[in-house]
N, C-alpha and C. Protein backbone atom coordinates (compact mmCIF):
# COMPACT_ATOMS: atom_id res chain seq x y z
N MET A 1 15.23 116.70 -126.16
CA MET A 1 15.05 115.50 -126.94
C MET A 1 16.40 114.86 -127.26
N LYS A 2 17.43 115.70 -127.43
CA LYS A 2 18.76 115.18 -127.73
C LYS A 2 19.26 114.27 -126.61
N ASN A 3 18.96 114.65 -125.35
CA ASN A 3 19.38 113.85 -124.20
C ASN A 3 18.79 112.45 -124.25
N LEU A 4 17.56 112.35 -124.74
CA LEU A 4 16.89 111.06 -124.81
C LEU A 4 17.49 110.17 -125.89
N PHE A 5 17.83 110.75 -127.03
CA PHE A 5 18.38 109.95 -128.13
C PHE A 5 19.81 109.51 -127.89
N PHE A 6 20.56 110.28 -127.12
CA PHE A 6 21.94 109.92 -126.85
C PHE A 6 22.14 109.32 -125.46
N PHE A 7 21.06 108.93 -124.81
CA PHE A 7 21.06 108.26 -123.51
C PHE A 7 21.72 109.09 -122.42
N ASP A 8 21.63 110.42 -122.52
CA ASP A 8 22.10 111.27 -121.44
C ASP A 8 21.05 111.39 -120.34
N ALA A 9 19.79 111.26 -120.71
CA ALA A 9 18.70 111.27 -119.73
C ALA A 9 18.04 109.89 -119.74
N MET A 10 17.69 109.42 -118.57
CA MET A 10 17.08 108.10 -118.44
C MET A 10 15.55 108.21 -118.47
N LEU A 11 14.94 107.36 -119.23
CA LEU A 11 13.49 107.34 -119.35
C LEU A 11 12.87 106.34 -118.37
N THR A 12 13.60 105.32 -118.02
CA THR A 12 13.07 104.22 -117.22
C THR A 12 12.55 104.63 -115.84
N PRO A 13 13.17 105.56 -115.10
CA PRO A 13 12.60 105.92 -113.80
C PRO A 13 11.16 106.42 -113.88
N LYS A 14 10.81 107.06 -114.98
CA LYS A 14 9.43 107.52 -115.14
C LYS A 14 8.48 106.34 -115.38
N ILE A 15 9.01 105.31 -116.00
CA ILE A 15 8.19 104.14 -116.32
C ILE A 15 8.01 103.24 -115.09
N ILE A 16 8.97 103.26 -114.18
CA ILE A 16 8.92 102.38 -113.01
C ILE A 16 7.69 102.65 -112.15
N THR A 17 7.27 103.91 -112.04
CA THR A 17 6.07 104.22 -111.27
C THR A 17 4.85 103.55 -111.89
N PHE A 18 4.74 103.60 -113.19
CA PHE A 18 3.64 102.94 -113.89
C PHE A 18 3.69 101.43 -113.70
N VAL A 19 4.88 100.87 -113.79
CA VAL A 19 5.07 99.42 -113.59
C VAL A 19 4.68 99.03 -112.17
N TYR A 20 5.01 99.88 -111.20
CA TYR A 20 4.65 99.61 -109.80
C TYR A 20 3.14 99.49 -109.65
N TRP A 21 2.39 100.41 -110.24
CA TRP A 21 0.94 100.35 -110.12
C TRP A 21 0.37 99.13 -110.86
N LEU A 22 0.97 98.76 -111.97
CA LEU A 22 0.53 97.53 -112.66
C LEU A 22 0.80 96.29 -111.80
N LEU A 23 1.96 96.26 -111.15
CA LEU A 23 2.28 95.14 -110.26
C LEU A 23 1.30 95.06 -109.10
N LEU A 24 0.97 96.22 -108.50
CA LEU A 24 0.00 96.22 -107.40
C LEU A 24 -1.37 95.73 -107.86
N LEU A 25 -1.77 96.14 -109.04
CA LEU A 25 -3.06 95.69 -109.58
C LEU A 25 -3.06 94.19 -109.80
N SER A 26 -1.99 93.66 -110.36
CA SER A 26 -1.93 92.21 -110.59
C SER A 26 -1.85 91.43 -109.28
N VAL A 27 -1.15 91.97 -108.29
CA VAL A 27 -1.09 91.32 -106.97
C VAL A 27 -2.47 91.31 -106.34
N ALA A 28 -3.20 92.42 -106.44
CA ALA A 28 -4.53 92.49 -105.86
C ALA A 28 -5.49 91.51 -106.53
N ILE A 29 -5.44 91.44 -107.84
CA ILE A 29 -6.32 90.52 -108.56
C ILE A 29 -5.99 89.07 -108.23
N SER A 30 -4.70 88.73 -108.24
CA SER A 30 -4.34 87.34 -107.95
C SER A 30 -4.61 86.99 -106.49
N GLY A 31 -4.36 87.91 -105.58
CA GLY A 31 -4.63 87.64 -104.17
C GLY A 31 -6.11 87.46 -103.89
N LEU A 32 -6.93 88.34 -104.44
CA LEU A 32 -8.38 88.22 -104.23
C LEU A 32 -8.94 86.98 -104.92
N THR A 33 -8.43 86.64 -106.09
CA THR A 33 -8.86 85.42 -106.77
C THR A 33 -8.50 84.20 -105.94
N MET A 34 -7.32 84.22 -105.39
CA MET A 34 -6.87 83.10 -104.56
C MET A 34 -7.71 82.98 -103.29
N MET A 35 -8.05 84.13 -102.70
CA MET A 35 -8.81 84.13 -101.45
C MET A 35 -10.21 83.54 -101.62
N PHE A 36 -10.84 83.86 -102.73
CA PHE A 36 -12.24 83.49 -102.89
C PHE A 36 -12.49 82.39 -103.92
N SER A 37 -11.43 81.77 -104.43
CA SER A 37 -11.63 80.75 -105.46
C SER A 37 -11.94 79.37 -104.88
N SER A 38 -11.29 79.00 -103.80
CA SER A 38 -11.54 77.67 -103.25
C SER A 38 -11.49 77.72 -101.73
N TYR A 39 -12.01 76.68 -101.15
CA TYR A 39 -12.07 76.59 -99.70
C TYR A 39 -10.67 76.39 -99.13
N GLY A 40 -10.34 77.13 -98.09
CA GLY A 40 -9.08 76.94 -97.39
C GLY A 40 -7.91 77.73 -97.93
N SER A 41 -8.13 78.53 -98.97
CA SER A 41 -7.01 79.28 -99.51
C SER A 41 -7.09 80.77 -99.15
N PHE A 42 -7.91 81.09 -98.16
CA PHE A 42 -8.05 82.49 -97.75
C PHE A 42 -6.74 83.06 -97.23
N LEU A 43 -6.06 82.29 -96.38
CA LEU A 43 -4.80 82.77 -95.82
C LEU A 43 -3.70 82.85 -96.88
N GLY A 44 -3.72 81.94 -97.81
CA GLY A 44 -2.76 82.00 -98.92
C GLY A 44 -2.96 83.25 -99.77
N GLY A 45 -4.21 83.58 -100.02
CA GLY A 45 -4.51 84.80 -100.77
C GLY A 45 -4.14 86.05 -100.01
N LEU A 46 -4.36 86.02 -98.70
CA LEU A 46 -3.98 87.15 -97.86
C LEU A 46 -2.46 87.31 -97.84
N GLY A 47 -1.76 86.18 -97.77
CA GLY A 47 -0.30 86.22 -97.83
C GLY A 47 0.20 86.73 -99.17
N THR A 48 -0.50 86.36 -100.24
CA THR A 48 -0.14 86.86 -101.57
C THR A 48 -0.35 88.36 -101.66
N LEU A 49 -1.44 88.85 -101.09
CA LEU A 49 -1.69 90.29 -101.10
C LEU A 49 -0.60 91.05 -100.36
N ILE A 50 -0.30 90.61 -99.16
CA ILE A 50 0.69 91.32 -98.33
C ILE A 50 2.10 91.14 -98.89
N GLY A 51 2.48 89.89 -99.13
CA GLY A 51 3.83 89.61 -99.63
C GLY A 51 4.07 90.18 -101.01
N GLY A 52 3.08 90.10 -101.87
CA GLY A 52 3.23 90.63 -103.22
C GLY A 52 3.37 92.15 -103.24
N ALA A 53 2.59 92.82 -102.40
CA ALA A 53 2.69 94.28 -102.33
C ALA A 53 4.06 94.71 -101.82
N ILE A 54 4.55 94.01 -100.80
CA ILE A 54 5.88 94.34 -100.25
C ILE A 54 6.97 94.03 -101.28
N ALA A 55 6.87 92.88 -101.94
CA ALA A 55 7.88 92.50 -102.93
C ALA A 55 7.90 93.47 -104.11
N ALA A 56 6.73 93.89 -104.57
CA ALA A 56 6.66 94.85 -105.68
C ALA A 56 7.29 96.18 -105.29
N ARG A 57 7.03 96.62 -104.06
CA ARG A 57 7.60 97.88 -103.59
C ARG A 57 9.13 97.80 -103.50
N ILE A 58 9.63 96.70 -102.94
CA ILE A 58 11.08 96.53 -102.80
C ILE A 58 11.74 96.48 -104.17
N TRP A 59 11.17 95.75 -105.11
CA TRP A 59 11.75 95.65 -106.44
C TRP A 59 11.80 97.01 -107.13
N CYS A 60 10.71 97.76 -107.05
CA CYS A 60 10.68 99.07 -107.70
C CYS A 60 11.64 100.05 -107.02
N GLU A 61 11.74 99.98 -105.69
CA GLU A 61 12.68 100.85 -104.99
C GLU A 61 14.12 100.52 -105.37
N LEU A 62 14.43 99.25 -105.53
CA LEU A 62 15.78 98.87 -105.96
C LEU A 62 16.10 99.39 -107.36
N MET A 63 15.12 99.35 -108.24
CA MET A 63 15.33 99.89 -109.58
C MET A 63 15.58 101.40 -109.52
N ILE A 64 14.81 102.10 -108.70
CA ILE A 64 14.99 103.54 -108.56
C ILE A 64 16.37 103.85 -107.99
N VAL A 65 16.82 103.06 -107.00
CA VAL A 65 18.14 103.28 -106.40
C VAL A 65 19.23 103.13 -107.45
N LEU A 66 19.11 102.14 -108.32
CA LEU A 66 20.10 101.98 -109.38
C LEU A 66 20.18 103.21 -110.28
N PHE A 67 19.03 103.76 -110.62
CA PHE A 67 19.03 104.93 -111.49
C PHE A 67 19.51 106.18 -110.75
N LYS A 68 19.24 106.27 -109.45
CA LYS A 68 19.77 107.39 -108.66
C LYS A 68 21.29 107.31 -108.58
N ILE A 69 21.83 106.12 -108.43
CA ILE A 69 23.28 105.94 -108.43
C ILE A 69 23.85 106.42 -109.77
N HIS A 70 23.18 106.05 -110.85
CA HIS A 70 23.63 106.48 -112.18
C HIS A 70 23.62 108.01 -112.29
N GLU A 71 22.55 108.65 -111.82
CA GLU A 71 22.46 110.11 -111.89
C GLU A 71 23.57 110.77 -111.08
N ASN A 72 23.83 110.25 -109.89
CA ASN A 72 24.88 110.83 -109.05
C ASN A 72 26.26 110.63 -109.65
N LEU A 73 26.49 109.48 -110.26
CA LEU A 73 27.78 109.26 -110.93
C LEU A 73 27.95 110.19 -112.13
N GLN A 74 26.87 110.47 -112.83
CA GLN A 74 26.94 111.42 -113.94
C GLN A 74 27.29 112.82 -113.44
N LYS A 75 26.70 113.22 -112.31
CA LYS A 75 27.02 114.53 -111.74
C LYS A 75 28.49 114.61 -111.36
N ILE A 76 29.01 113.55 -110.77
CA ILE A 76 30.42 113.52 -110.39
C ILE A 76 31.31 113.59 -111.63
N ALA A 77 30.95 112.85 -112.66
CA ALA A 77 31.76 112.83 -113.88
C ALA A 77 31.72 114.17 -114.61
N ASN A 78 30.60 114.86 -114.55
CA ASN A 78 30.47 116.13 -115.26
C ASN A 78 31.11 117.30 -114.51
N ARG A 79 31.44 117.11 -113.25
CA ARG A 79 32.08 118.17 -112.47
C ARG A 79 33.50 118.45 -112.95
N ASP A 80 34.15 117.43 -113.43
CA ASP A 80 35.57 117.59 -113.82
C ASP A 80 35.75 118.16 -115.19
């Protein structure tokens, strides 16, 4: 618990997985709504589904990479 209060351990990487699933759910809802809401927007909704899923994955992976860099820098700093 001490690590959490003094920011020695990061909490955000655990939250990013949850955020990823929320993003996928919102992309699915908006894509399906777009596909079936009006005539001629089926391809736009399909593009939203595919593009949104890819964009959400890339964003979450970038966040994880930032925290992995932080963890590795901490290991290097603690070695000395």
